[in-house]
Amino acid sequence: MFFIGVTTAKSSINKVFPRWAAHLGLGPCELRGMDFPLHAEPARYREAVEYLRNDPLALGALVTTHKIDLCAACRDQFDELEPLSGAMGELSSIYKRNGRLHARAADPWTVGYSLEAFLPADHWSKTGAEALILGAGGSAMALAWHLTKAEHGSNRPSRVHVANRSTPRLDHLRKLHADWATGIPLETHHVPEPALADRVLASLPPGSLVVNATGLGKDAPGSPLTDSARFPKNAQVWEFNYRGDLLFMEQAKAQQAASGLHVEDGWNYFLHGWTRVISDVFNVEIPTRGPAFEKLSEIAASTR
């Protein structure tokens, strides 16, 4: 199994995977990283996907950071691209079935499992709060989709904000959101400087969800906010990363006691993201909750 990312050697998965593989009975297997710079040349992504297709020992891959760029460069190389993945223009799971190469976006589901692990039940219907997603990559799109799904009924944010340093992905997300027809307003914000993101943050009501989905703090140093940013009272603050300098998370922790913040890192997101894709690649059932999932969580936690 391959891991397509930016700094794959630094990930905890390198210690976790062999233990999970033994526990799940996956047989002789190993995990190998493929590192690419941010926004690599399309030809490099295509070469990687062609290698996965042609090597009989390559069962598939998890894609992180490059989800949108790889999908844009390689979508014609897959025999089956899940419709939701095709519509969103991102993919995180590559796997084989009966000699055919498949790809799908696992994030729309994994962000949901991860959010439900810490967000209080009926949070949105009780608070009327909003959500601010910093970043507009694949994970950010997936979270926006999950938060606004009609099946949640009244338990949805009253408004979803997405802020990003460049505009093309914001334009893409606006078009997607219009197609979703959720009834929940989406506001996009072009924030080429962190101080502009601070202003969006300052507009949020108490209890709002604030998410760092930019990759800053892991794939590159820093935070999408300045040290002057002020989180709303009783905010739910979610750092998608679990490793790196995690400056965004430190900024939130500095205000945690005074503002009553709940601060969550990306560890559960890491667990759900990997277990979903391992399930695809090795064609095994892996529960998303309950004792069997808790055992996998315990195994992973022993390596932290």
C-alpha atoms as a PDB file:
ATOM      1  CA  MET A   1       0.000   0.000   0.000  1.00  0.00           C
ATOM      2  CA  PHE A   2       1.264   3.476  -0.862  1.00  0.00           C
ATOM      3  CA  PHE A   3       0.913   6.810   0.917  1.00  0.00           C
ATOM      4  CA  ILE A   4       0.915   9.854  -1.372  1.00  0.00           C
ATOM      5  CA  GLY A   5       1.723  13.033   0.541  1.00  0.00           C
ATOM      6  CA  VAL A   6       4.324  15.702   1.232  1.00  0.00           C
ATOM      7  CA  THR A   7       6.332  14.485   4.240  1.00  0.00           C
ATOM      8  CA  THR A   8       5.157  10.896   4.539  1.00  0.00           C
ATOM      9  CA  ALA A   9       8.197   9.671   6.488  1.00  0.00           C
ATOM     10  CA  LYS A  10       7.179  11.881   9.429  1.00  0.00           C
ATOM     11  CA  SER A  11       3.695  10.380   9.757  1.00  0.00           C
ATOM     12  CA  SER A  12       2.747   8.159  12.693  1.00  0.00           C
ATOM     13  CA  ILE A  13       1.206   5.746  10.200  1.00  0.00           C
ATOM     14  CA  ASN A  14       4.654   4.298   9.553  1.00  0.00           C
ATOM     15  CA  LYS A  15       4.640   2.880  13.093  1.00  0.00           C
ATOM     16  CA  VAL A  16       0.905   2.217  13.226  1.00  0.00           C
ATOM     17  CA  PHE A  17       0.447   0.375   9.926  1.00  0.00           C
ATOM     18  CA  PRO A  18       2.491  -2.774  10.731  1.00  0.00           C
ATOM     19  CA  ARG A  19       0.628  -3.194  14.028  1.00  0.00           C
ATOM     20  CA  TRP A  20      -2.753  -2.682  12.413  1.00  0.00           C
ATOM     21  CA  ALA A  21      -1.826  -5.089   9.617  1.00  0.00           C
ATOM     22  CA  ALA A  22      -0.936  -7.792  12.148  1.00  0.00           C
ATOM     23  CA  HIS A  23      -4.103  -7.166  14.174  1.00  0.00           C
ATOM     24  CA  LEU A  24      -6.342  -7.220  11.083  1.00  0.00           C
ATOM     25  CA  GLY A  25      -4.637 -10.272   9.607  1.00  0.00           C
ATOM     26  CA  LEU A  26      -3.716  -8.548   6.353  1.00  0.00           C
ATOM     27  CA  GLY A  27      -0.816 -10.928   5.691  1.00  0.00           C
ATOM     28  CA  PRO A  28       2.601  -9.942   4.319  1.00  0.00           C
ATOM     29  CA  CYS A  29       2.362  -6.269   3.350  1.00  0.00           C
ATOM     30  CA  GLU A  30       4.108  -2.967   3.791  1.00  0.00           C
ATOM     31  CA  LEU A  31       3.431   0.752   3.489  1.00  0.00           C
ATOM     32  CA  ARG A  32       5.551   2.926   1.219  1.00  0.00           C
ATOM     33  CA  GLY A  33       5.505   6.722   0.947  1.00  0.00           C
ATOM     34  CA  MET A  34       5.449   8.802  -2.228  1.00  0.00           C
ATOM     35  CA  ASP A  35       6.343  12.433  -1.536  1.00  0.00           C
ATOM     36  CA  PHE A  36       5.453  15.253  -3.904  1.00  0.00           C
ATOM     37  CA  PRO A  37       5.820  19.009  -3.448  1.00  0.00           C
ATOM     38  CA  LEU A  38       2.622  21.008  -3.043  1.00  0.00           C
ATOM     39  CA  HIS A  39       0.860  21.421  -6.420  1.00  0.00           C
ATOM     40  CA  ALA A  40       3.282  19.152  -8.259  1.00  0.00           C
ATOM     41  CA  GLU A  41       3.387  18.876 -12.034  1.00  0.00           C
ATOM     42  CA  PRO A  42       0.433  16.825 -13.377  1.00  0.00           C
ATOM     43  CA  ALA A  43       2.841  14.460 -15.140  1.00  0.00           C
ATOM     44  CA  ARG A  44       4.269  13.371 -11.803  1.00  0.00           C
ATOM     45  CA  TYR A  45       0.836  12.452 -10.467  1.00  0.00           C
ATOM     46  CA  ARG A  46       0.046  10.565 -13.657  1.00  0.00           C
ATOM     47  CA  GLU A  47       3.291   8.613 -13.414  1.00  0.00           C
ATOM     48  CA  ALA A  48       2.407   7.584  -9.843  1.00  0.00           C
ATOM     49  CA  VAL A  49      -1.087   6.411 -10.808  1.00  0.00           C
ATOM     50  CA  GLU A  50       0.271   4.489 -13.796  1.00  0.00           C
ATOM     51  CA  TYR A  51       2.740   2.763 -11.496  1.00  0.00           C
ATOM     52  CA  LEU A  52      -0.080   1.782  -9.128  1.00  0.00           C
ATOM     53  CA  ARG A  53      -2.077   0.377 -12.040  1.00  0.00           C
ATOM     54  CA  ASN A  54       0.758  -1.693 -13.510  1.00  0.00           C
ATOM     55  CA  ASP A  55       2.554  -3.066 -10.447  1.00  0.00           C
ATOM     56  CA  PRO A  56       0.757  -6.263  -9.351  1.00  0.00           C
ATOM     57  CA  LEU A  57       2.122  -5.853  -5.818  1.00  0.00           C
ATOM     58  CA  ALA A  58       0.662  -2.338  -5.482  1.00  0.00           C
ATOM     59  CA  LEU A  59      -2.847  -2.767  -4.039  1.00  0.00           C
ATOM     60  CA  GLY A  60      -3.675   0.936  -3.757  1.00  0.00           C
ATOM     61  CA  ALA A  61      -2.900   4.180  -1.978  1.00  0.00           C
ATOM     62  CA  LEU A  62      -4.100   6.810   0.439  1.00  0.00           C
ATOM     63  CA  VAL A  63      -3.811  10.354  -0.895  1.00  0.00           C
ATOM     64  CA  THR A  64      -3.414  13.348   1.382  1.00  0.00           C
ATOM     65  CA  THR A  65      -2.734  17.022   0.552  1.00  0.00           C
ATOM     66  CA  HIS A  66      -2.753  16.279  -3.221  1.00  0.00           C
ATOM     67  CA  LYS A  67      -6.412  15.124  -3.340  1.00  0.00           C
ATOM     68  CA  ILE A  68      -7.633  17.822  -5.740  1.00  0.00           C
ATOM     69  CA  ASP A  69      -4.505  18.153  -7.873  1.00  0.00           C
ATOM     70  CA  LEU A  70      -4.162  14.402  -8.356  1.00  0.00           C
ATOM     71  CA  CYS A  71      -7.817  14.018  -9.281  1.00  0.00           C
ATOM     72  CA  ALA A  72      -7.566  16.838 -11.827  1.00  0.00           C
ATOM     73  CA  ALA A  73      -4.464  15.328 -13.404  1.00  0.00           C
ATOM     74  CA  CYS A  74      -5.460  11.659 -13.373  1.00  0.00           C
ATOM     75  CA  ARG A  75      -9.223  11.188 -13.458  1.00  0.00           C
ATOM     76  CA  ASP A  76      -9.122   9.630 -16.929  1.00  0.00           C
ATOM     77  CA  GLN A  77      -6.677   6.976 -15.672  1.00  0.00           C
ATOM     78  CA  PHE A  78      -9.217   5.322 -13.370  1.00  0.00           C
ATOM     79  CA  ASP A  79     -11.610   2.640 -14.535  1.00  0.00           C
ATOM     80  CA  GLU A  80     -14.084   3.676 -11.841  1.00  0.00           C
ATOM     81  CA  LEU A  81     -14.252   7.097 -10.188  1.00  0.00           C
ATOM     82  CA  GLU A  82     -16.948   7.365  -7.528  1.00  0.00           C
ATOM     83  CA  PRO A  83     -19.616   9.893  -8.631  1.00  0.00           C
ATOM     84  CA  LEU A  84     -19.272  12.037  -5.482  1.00  0.00           C
ATOM     85  CA  SER A  85     -15.510  12.110  -5.964  1.00  0.00           C
ATOM     86  CA  GLY A  86     -15.953  13.099  -9.587  1.00  0.00           C
ATOM     87  CA  ALA A  87     -18.391  15.861  -8.678  1.00  0.00           C
ATOM     88  CA  MET A  88     -16.151  17.264  -5.956  1.00  0.00           C
ATOM     89  CA  GLY A  89     -13.005  16.856  -8.030  1.00  0.00           C
ATOM     90  CA  GLU A  90     -11.019  15.168  -5.279  1.00  0.00           C
ATOM     91  CA  LEU A  91     -10.009  11.678  -4.229  1.00  0.00           C
ATOM     92  CA  SER A  92      -8.248  10.158  -1.240  1.00  0.00           C
ATOM     93  CA  SER A  93      -8.551   6.402  -1.798  1.00  0.00           C
ATOM     94  CA  ILE A  94      -7.128   4.409  -4.726  1.00  0.00           C
ATOM     95  CA  TYR A  95      -7.714   0.651  -4.844  1.00  0.00           C
ATOM     96  CA  LYS A  96      -8.147  -2.315  -7.185  1.00  0.00           C
ATOM     97  CA  ARG A  97     -11.085  -4.667  -7.737  1.00  0.00           C
ATOM     98  CA  ASN A  98     -11.006  -7.493 -10.263  1.00  0.00           C
ATOM     99  CA  GLY A  99      -8.192  -5.912 -12.225  1.00  0.00           C
ATOM    100  CA  ARG A 100      -9.845  -2.495 -12.396  1.00  0.00           C
ATOM    101  CA  LEU A 101      -8.456   0.673 -10.804  1.00  0.00           C
ATOM    102  CA  HIS A 102     -10.933   2.532  -8.584  1.00  0.00           C
ATOM    103  CA  ALA A 103     -10.784   5.892  -6.810  1.00  0.00           C
ATOM    104  CA  ARG A 104     -13.076   7.635  -4.376  1.00  0.00           C
ATOM    105  CA  ALA A 105     -13.267  10.491  -1.912  1.00  0.00           C
ATOM    106  CA  ALA A 106     -13.319   8.998   1.598  1.00  0.00           C
ATOM    107  CA  ASP A 107     -13.230  12.381   3.344  1.00  0.00           C
ATOM    108  CA  PRO A 108     -16.965  13.158   3.130  1.00  0.00           C
ATOM    109  CA  TRP A 109     -17.477  10.222   5.487  1.00  0.00           C
ATOM    110  CA  THR A 110     -14.326  10.373   7.629  1.00  0.00           C
ATOM    111  CA  VAL A 111     -14.809  14.038   8.547  1.00  0.00           C
ATOM    112  CA  GLY A 112     -18.299  13.131   9.727  1.00  0.00           C
ATOM    113  CA  TYR A 113     -17.120  10.253  11.928  1.00  0.00           C
ATOM    114  CA  SER A 114     -14.381  12.465  13.386  1.00  0.00           C
ATOM    115  CA  LEU A 115     -16.666  15.435  14.051  1.00  0.00           C
ATOM    116  CA  GLU A 116     -19.281  13.281  15.765  1.00  0.00           C
ATOM    117  CA  ALA A 117     -16.593  12.059  18.179  1.00  0.00           C
ATOM    118  CA  PHE A 118     -16.313  15.472  19.879  1.00  0.00           C
ATOM    119  CA  LEU A 119     -19.168  17.770  18.824  1.00  0.00           C
ATOM    120  CA  PRO A 120     -22.029  17.712  21.382  1.00  0.00           C
ATOM    121  CA  ALA A 121     -25.282  16.162  20.184  1.00  0.00           C
ATOM    122  CA  ASP A 122     -27.724  18.707  18.727  1.00  0.00           C
ATOM    123  CA  HIS A 123     -24.979  21.352  18.931  1.00  0.00           C
ATOM    124  CA  TRP A 124     -26.214  23.344  15.954  1.00  0.00           C
ATOM    125  CA  SER A 125     -29.917  23.276  16.773  1.00  0.00           C
ATOM    126  CA  LYS A 126     -29.185  24.305  20.369  1.00  0.00           C
ATOM    127  CA  THR A 127     -26.723  27.120  19.609  1.00  0.00           C
ATOM    128  CA  GLY A 128     -27.615  28.518  16.173  1.00  0.00           C
ATOM    129  CA  ALA A 129     -23.838  28.775  15.675  1.00  0.00           C
ATOM    130  CA  GLU A 130     -21.917  29.044  12.413  1.00  0.00           C
ATOM    131  CA  ALA A 131     -18.900  27.231  10.989  1.00  0.00           C
ATOM    132  CA  LEU A 132     -15.661  28.661   9.605  1.00  0.00           C
ATOM    133  CA  ILE A 133     -13.463  26.374   7.528  1.00  0.00           C
ATOM    134  CA  LEU A 134     -10.002  27.801   6.895  1.00  0.00           C
ATOM    135  CA  GLY A 135      -8.797  26.309   3.625  1.00  0.00           C
ATOM    136  CA  ALA A 136     -10.641  25.081   0.535  1.00  0.00           C
ATOM    137  CA  GLY A 137      -8.925  21.822  -0.347  1.00  0.00           C
ATOM    138  CA  GLY A 138     -10.441  18.353  -0.493  1.00  0.00           C
ATOM    139  CA  SER A 139     -10.926  17.985   3.257  1.00  0.00           C
ATOM    140  CA  ALA A 140     -12.522  21.417   3.493  1.00  0.00           C
ATOM    141  CA  MET A 141     -14.962  20.606   0.687  1.00  0.00           C
ATOM    142  CA  ALA A 142     -15.833  17.321   2.363  1.00  0.00           C
ATOM    143  CA  LEU A 143     -16.542  19.036   5.671  1.00  0.00           C
ATOM    144  CA  ALA A 144     -18.728  21.680   4.015  1.00  0.00           C
ATOM    145  CA  TRP A 145     -20.696  18.886   2.332  1.00  0.00           C
ATOM    146  CA  HIS A 146     -21.117  16.974   5.586  1.00  0.00           C
ATOM    147  CA  LEU A 147     -22.162  20.003   7.655  1.00  0.00           C
ATOM    148  CA  THR A 148     -24.872  21.058   5.228  1.00  0.00           C
ATOM    149  CA  LYS A 149     -26.415  17.677   4.375  1.00  0.00           C
ATOM    150  CA  ALA A 150     -30.200  17.844   4.462  1.00  0.00           C
ATOM    151  CA  GLU A 151     -30.426  14.612   6.444  1.00  0.00           C
ATOM    152  CA  HIS A 152     -29.183  16.504   9.513  1.00  0.00           C
ATOM    153  CA  GLY A 153     -32.433  18.471   9.516  1.00  0.00           C
ATOM    154  CA  SER A 154     -32.306  21.464  11.855  1.00  0.00           C
ATOM    155  CA  ASN A 155     -29.031  20.307  13.392  1.00  0.00           C
ATOM    156  CA  ARG A 156     -26.851  22.176  10.915  1.00  0.00           C
ATOM    157  CA  PRO A 157     -24.818  25.399  11.122  1.00  0.00           C
ATOM    158  CA  SER A 158     -26.876  28.499  10.449  1.00  0.00           C
ATOM    159  CA  ARG A 159     -24.147  29.548   8.004  1.00  0.00           C
ATOM    160  CA  VAL A 160     -20.906  28.050   6.684  1.00  0.00           C
ATOM    161  CA  HIS A 161     -17.904  30.248   5.904  1.00  0.00           C
ATOM    162  CA  VAL A 162     -14.923  29.050   3.870  1.00  0.00           C
ATOM    163  CA  ALA A 163     -11.798  31.201   3.731  1.00  0.00           C
ATOM    164  CA  ASN A 164      -8.844  30.557   1.434  1.00  0.00           C
ATOM    165  CA  ARG A 165      -5.705  32.325   0.225  1.00  0.00           C
ATOM    166  CA  SER A 166      -6.570  31.894  -3.480  1.00  0.00           C
ATOM    167  CA  THR A 167      -9.838  32.114  -5.367  1.00  0.00           C
ATOM    168  CA  PRO A 168     -10.119  29.147  -7.834  1.00  0.00           C
ATOM    169  CA  ARG A 169     -11.030  26.602  -5.168  1.00  0.00           C
ATOM    170  CA  LEU A 170     -13.511  29.016  -3.602  1.00  0.00           C
ATOM    171  CA  ASP A 171     -15.162  29.391  -7.004  1.00  0.00           C
ATOM    172  CA  HIS A 172     -15.326  25.604  -7.359  1.00  0.00           C
ATOM    173  CA  LEU A 173     -16.841  25.192  -3.894  1.00  0.00           C
ATOM    174  CA  ARG A 174     -19.519  27.812  -4.581  1.00  0.00           C
ATOM    175  CA  LYS A 175     -20.586  25.891  -7.696  1.00  0.00           C
ATOM    176  CA  LEU A 176     -20.680  22.614  -5.772  1.00  0.00           C
ATOM    177  CA  HIS A 177     -22.706  24.136  -2.961  1.00  0.00           C
ATOM    178  CA  ALA A 178     -25.257  25.506  -5.418  1.00  0.00           C
ATOM    179  CA  ASP A 179     -25.698  21.989  -6.818  1.00  0.00           C
ATOM    180  CA  TRP A 180     -26.136  20.551  -3.316  1.00  0.00           C
ATOM    181  CA  ALA A 181     -29.127  22.867  -2.760  1.00  0.00           C
ATOM    182  CA  THR A 182     -28.927  22.458   1.008  1.00  0.00           C
ATOM    183  CA  GLY A 183     -30.684  25.653   2.073  1.00  0.00           C
ATOM    184  CA  ILE A 184     -27.715  26.523   4.331  1.00  0.00           C
ATOM    185  CA  PRO A 185     -25.955  29.747   3.272  1.00  0.00           C
ATOM    186  CA  LEU A 186     -22.321  29.443   2.193  1.00  0.00           C
ATOM    187  CA  GLU A 187     -20.048  32.486   2.301  1.00  0.00           C
ATOM    188  CA  THR A 188     -16.602  32.319   0.732  1.00  0.00           C
ATOM    189  CA  HIS A 189     -13.812  34.699   1.711  1.00  0.00           C
ATOM    190  CA  HIS A 190     -10.609  35.458  -0.181  1.00  0.00           C
ATOM    191  CA  VAL A 191      -7.986  35.885   2.560  1.00  0.00           C
ATOM    192  CA  PRO A 192      -4.511  36.256   1.010  1.00  0.00           C
ATOM    193  CA  GLU A 193      -3.265  37.523   4.390  1.00  0.00           C
ATOM    194  CA  PRO A 194      -3.933  35.940   7.813  1.00  0.00           C
ATOM    195  CA  ALA A 195      -5.194  39.260   9.172  1.00  0.00           C
ATOM    196  CA  LEU A 196      -8.134  39.022   6.765  1.00  0.00           C
ATOM    197  CA  ALA A 197      -9.007  35.596   8.158  1.00  0.00           C
ATOM    198  CA  ASP A 198      -8.926  37.142  11.640  1.00  0.00           C
ATOM    199  CA  ARG A 199     -11.738  39.477  10.564  1.00  0.00           C
ATOM    200  CA  VAL A 200     -13.931  36.594   9.404  1.00  0.00           C
ATOM    201  CA  LEU A 201     -13.282  34.830  12.705  1.00  0.00           C
ATOM    202  CA  ALA A 202     -14.304  37.950  14.643  1.00  0.00           C
ATOM    203  CA  SER A 203     -17.724  37.939  12.945  1.00  0.00           C
ATOM    204  CA  LEU A 204     -18.740  34.491  14.250  1.00  0.00           C
ATOM    205  CA  PRO A 205     -21.309  34.017  17.034  1.00  0.00           C
ATOM    206  CA  PRO A 206     -20.539  32.080  20.241  1.00  0.00           C
ATOM    207  CA  GLY A 207     -20.299  28.318  19.953  1.00  0.00           C
ATOM    208  CA  SER A 208     -19.149  28.351  16.338  1.00  0.00           C
ATOM    209  CA  LEU A 209     -16.916  25.664  14.813  1.00  0.00           C
ATOM    210  CA  VAL A 210     -13.512  26.893  13.601  1.00  0.00           C
ATOM    211  CA  VAL A 211     -11.416  24.460  11.550  1.00  0.00           C
ATOM    212  CA  ASN A 212      -7.869  24.624  10.243  1.00  0.00           C
ATOM    213  CA  ALA A 213      -8.053  22.672   6.985  1.00  0.00           C
ATOM    214  CA  THR A 214      -5.180  24.539   5.330  1.00  0.00           C
ATOM    215  CA  GLY A 215      -2.285  22.168   5.987  1.00  0.00           C
ATOM    216  CA  LEU A 216      -0.407  25.024   7.679  1.00  0.00           C
ATOM    217  CA  GLY A 217       1.195  23.632  10.797  1.00  0.00           C
ATOM    218  CA  LYS A 218       2.043  20.324   9.063  1.00  0.00           C
ATOM    219  CA  ASP A 219       2.810  20.568   5.342  1.00  0.00           C
ATOM    220  CA  ALA A 220       4.167  24.086   5.858  1.00  0.00           C
ATOM    221  CA  PRO A 221       4.902  26.027   9.050  1.00  0.00           C
ATOM    222  CA  GLY A 222       2.531  28.624  10.455  1.00  0.00           C
ATOM    223  CA  SER A 223      -1.178  29.250  10.926  1.00  0.00           C
ATOM    224  CA  PRO A 224      -3.963  30.730   8.796  1.00  0.00           C
ATOM    225  CA  LEU A 225      -4.578  33.209  11.648  1.00  0.00           C
ATOM    226  CA  THR A 226      -2.397  35.814  13.341  1.00  0.00           C
ATOM    227  CA  ASP A 227      -1.614  35.768  17.055  1.00  0.00           C
ATOM    228  CA  SER A 228      -4.069  38.668  17.416  1.00  0.00           C
ATOM    229  CA  ALA A 229      -7.033  36.543  16.303  1.00  0.00           C
ATOM    230  CA  ARG A 230      -9.800  36.061  18.862  1.00  0.00           C
ATOM    231  CA  PHE A 231     -11.933  32.928  18.874  1.00  0.00           C
ATOM    232  CA  PRO A 232     -15.658  33.188  19.702  1.00  0.00           C
ATOM    233  CA  LYS A 233     -16.760  32.297  23.206  1.00  0.00           C
ATOM    234  CA  ASN A 234     -17.400  28.563  23.659  1.00  0.00           C
ATOM    235  CA  ALA A 235     -16.106  27.821  20.175  1.00  0.00           C
ATOM    236  CA  GLN A 236     -15.369  24.302  18.962  1.00  0.00           C
ATOM    237  CA  VAL A 237     -11.844  24.556  17.522  1.00  0.00           C
ATOM    238  CA  TRP A 238     -10.629  21.737  15.295  1.00  0.00           C
ATOM    239  CA  GLU A 239      -7.073  21.414  14.050  1.00  0.00           C
ATOM    240  CA  PHE A 240      -7.106  18.867  11.215  1.00  0.00           C
ATOM    241  CA  ASN A 241      -3.406  18.150  11.769  1.00  0.00           C
ATOM    242  CA  TYR A 242      -2.002  16.046  14.596  1.00  0.00           C
ATOM    243  CA  ARG A 243       1.725  16.597  13.900  1.00  0.00           C
ATOM    244  CA  GLY A 244       3.901  19.555  12.986  1.00  0.00           C
ATOM    245  CA  ASP A 245       4.256  22.900  14.741  1.00  0.00           C
ATOM    246  CA  LEU A 246       0.429  23.073  15.170  1.00  0.00           C
ATOM    247  CA  LEU A 247       0.560  26.842  15.637  1.00  0.00           C
ATOM    248  CA  PHE A 248      -3.200  27.224  15.029  1.00  0.00           C
ATOM    249  CA  MET A 249      -3.878  24.791  17.854  1.00  0.00           C
ATOM    250  CA  GLU A 250      -1.475  26.628  20.166  1.00  0.00           C
ATOM    251  CA  GLN A 251      -3.236  29.914  19.370  1.00  0.00           C
ATOM    252  CA  ALA A 252      -6.536  28.354  20.417  1.00  0.00           C
ATOM    253  CA  LYS A 253      -5.102  26.766  23.558  1.00  0.00           C
ATOM    254  CA  ALA A 254      -3.814  30.169  24.673  1.00  0.00           C
ATOM    255  CA  GLN A 255      -7.477  31.339  24.791  1.00  0.00           C
ATOM    256  CA  GLN A 256      -9.019  28.045  25.909  1.00  0.00           C
ATOM    257  CA  ALA A 257      -9.583  28.798  29.582  1.00  0.00           C
ATOM    258  CA  ALA A 258     -10.637  32.430  29.202  1.00  0.00           C
ATOM    259  CA  SER A 259     -13.074  31.788  26.324  1.00  0.00           C
ATOM    260  CA  GLY A 260     -14.334  28.300  27.189  1.00  0.00           C
ATOM    261  CA  LEU A 261     -13.022  26.731  24.002  1.00  0.00           C
ATOM    262  CA  HIS A 262     -13.034  23.048  23.155  1.00  0.00           C
ATOM    263  CA  VAL A 263      -9.811  22.347  21.239  1.00  0.00           C
ATOM    264  CA  GLU A 264      -9.473  19.149  19.208  1.00  0.00           C
ATOM    265  CA  ASP A 265      -6.509  17.916  17.184  1.00  0.00           C
ATOM    266  CA  GLY A 266      -6.597  15.710  14.091  1.00  0.00           C
ATOM    267  CA  TRP A 267      -5.840  12.354  15.712  1.00  0.00           C
ATOM    268  CA  ASN A 268      -9.334  10.874  15.310  1.00  0.00           C
ATOM    269  CA  TYR A 269      -9.442  12.219  11.758  1.00  0.00           C
ATOM    270  CA  PHE A 270      -6.124  10.452  11.140  1.00  0.00           C
ATOM    271  CA  LEU A 271      -7.564   7.184  12.492  1.00  0.00           C
ATOM    272  CA  HIS A 272     -10.782   7.323  10.471  1.00  0.00           C
ATOM    273  CA  GLY A 273      -9.032   8.477   7.312  1.00  0.00           C
ATOM    274  CA  TRP A 274      -6.569   5.612   7.362  1.00  0.00           C
ATOM    275  CA  THR A 275      -8.952   2.864   8.434  1.00  0.00           C
ATOM    276  CA  ARG A 276     -11.429   3.750   5.664  1.00  0.00           C
ATOM    277  CA  VAL A 277      -8.744   3.605   2.974  1.00  0.00           C
ATOM    278  CA  ILE A 278      -7.135   0.443   4.377  1.00  0.00           C
ATOM    279  CA  SER A 279     -10.613  -1.072   4.215  1.00  0.00           C
ATOM    280  CA  ASP A 280     -10.774  -0.155   0.515  1.00  0.00           C
ATOM    281  CA  VAL A 281      -7.251  -1.229  -0.394  1.00  0.00           C
ATOM    282  CA  PHE A 282      -7.317  -4.611   1.363  1.00  0.00           C
ATOM    283  CA  ASN A 283     -11.059  -5.184   0.841  1.00  0.00           C
ATOM    284  CA  VAL A 284     -11.718  -5.835   4.545  1.00  0.00           C
ATOM    285  CA  GLU A 285     -14.512  -4.654   6.824  1.00  0.00           C
ATOM    286  CA  ILE A 286     -13.354  -2.208   9.501  1.00  0.00           C
ATOM    287  CA  PRO A 287     -15.993  -0.771  11.883  1.00  0.00           C
ATOM    288  CA  THR A 288     -16.172   3.005  12.393  1.00  0.00           C
ATOM    289  CA  ARG A 289     -17.125   2.742  16.077  1.00  0.00           C
ATOM    290  CA  GLY A 290     -17.487   0.224  18.872  1.00  0.00           C
ATOM    291  CA  PRO A 291     -14.975  -2.160  20.502  1.00  0.00           C
ATOM    292  CA  ALA A 292     -13.263  -3.196  17.252  1.00  0.00           C
ATOM    293  CA  PHE A 293     -12.554   0.421  16.277  1.00  0.00           C
ATOM    294  CA  GLU A 294     -11.519   1.292  19.834  1.00  0.00           C
ATOM    295  CA  LYS A 295      -8.964  -1.518  19.718  1.00  0.00           C
ATOM    296  CA  LEU A 296      -7.439  -0.039  16.547  1.00  0.00           C
ATOM    297  CA  SER A 297      -7.403   3.358  18.256  1.00  0.00           C
ATOM    298  CA  GLU A 298      -5.628   1.830  21.263  1.00  0.00           C
ATOM    299  CA  ILE A 299      -3.021   0.204  19.039  1.00  0.00           C
ATOM    300  CA  ALA A 300      -2.390   3.487  17.246  1.00  0.00           C
ATOM    301  CA  ALA A 301      -2.227   5.497  20.492  1.00  0.00           C
ATOM    302  CA  SER A 302       0.542   3.216  21.768  1.00  0.00           C
ATOM    303  CA  THR A 303       2.841   4.652  19.055  1.00  0.00           C
ATOM    304  CA  ARG A 304       2.221   8.355  19.730  1.00  0.00           C
END
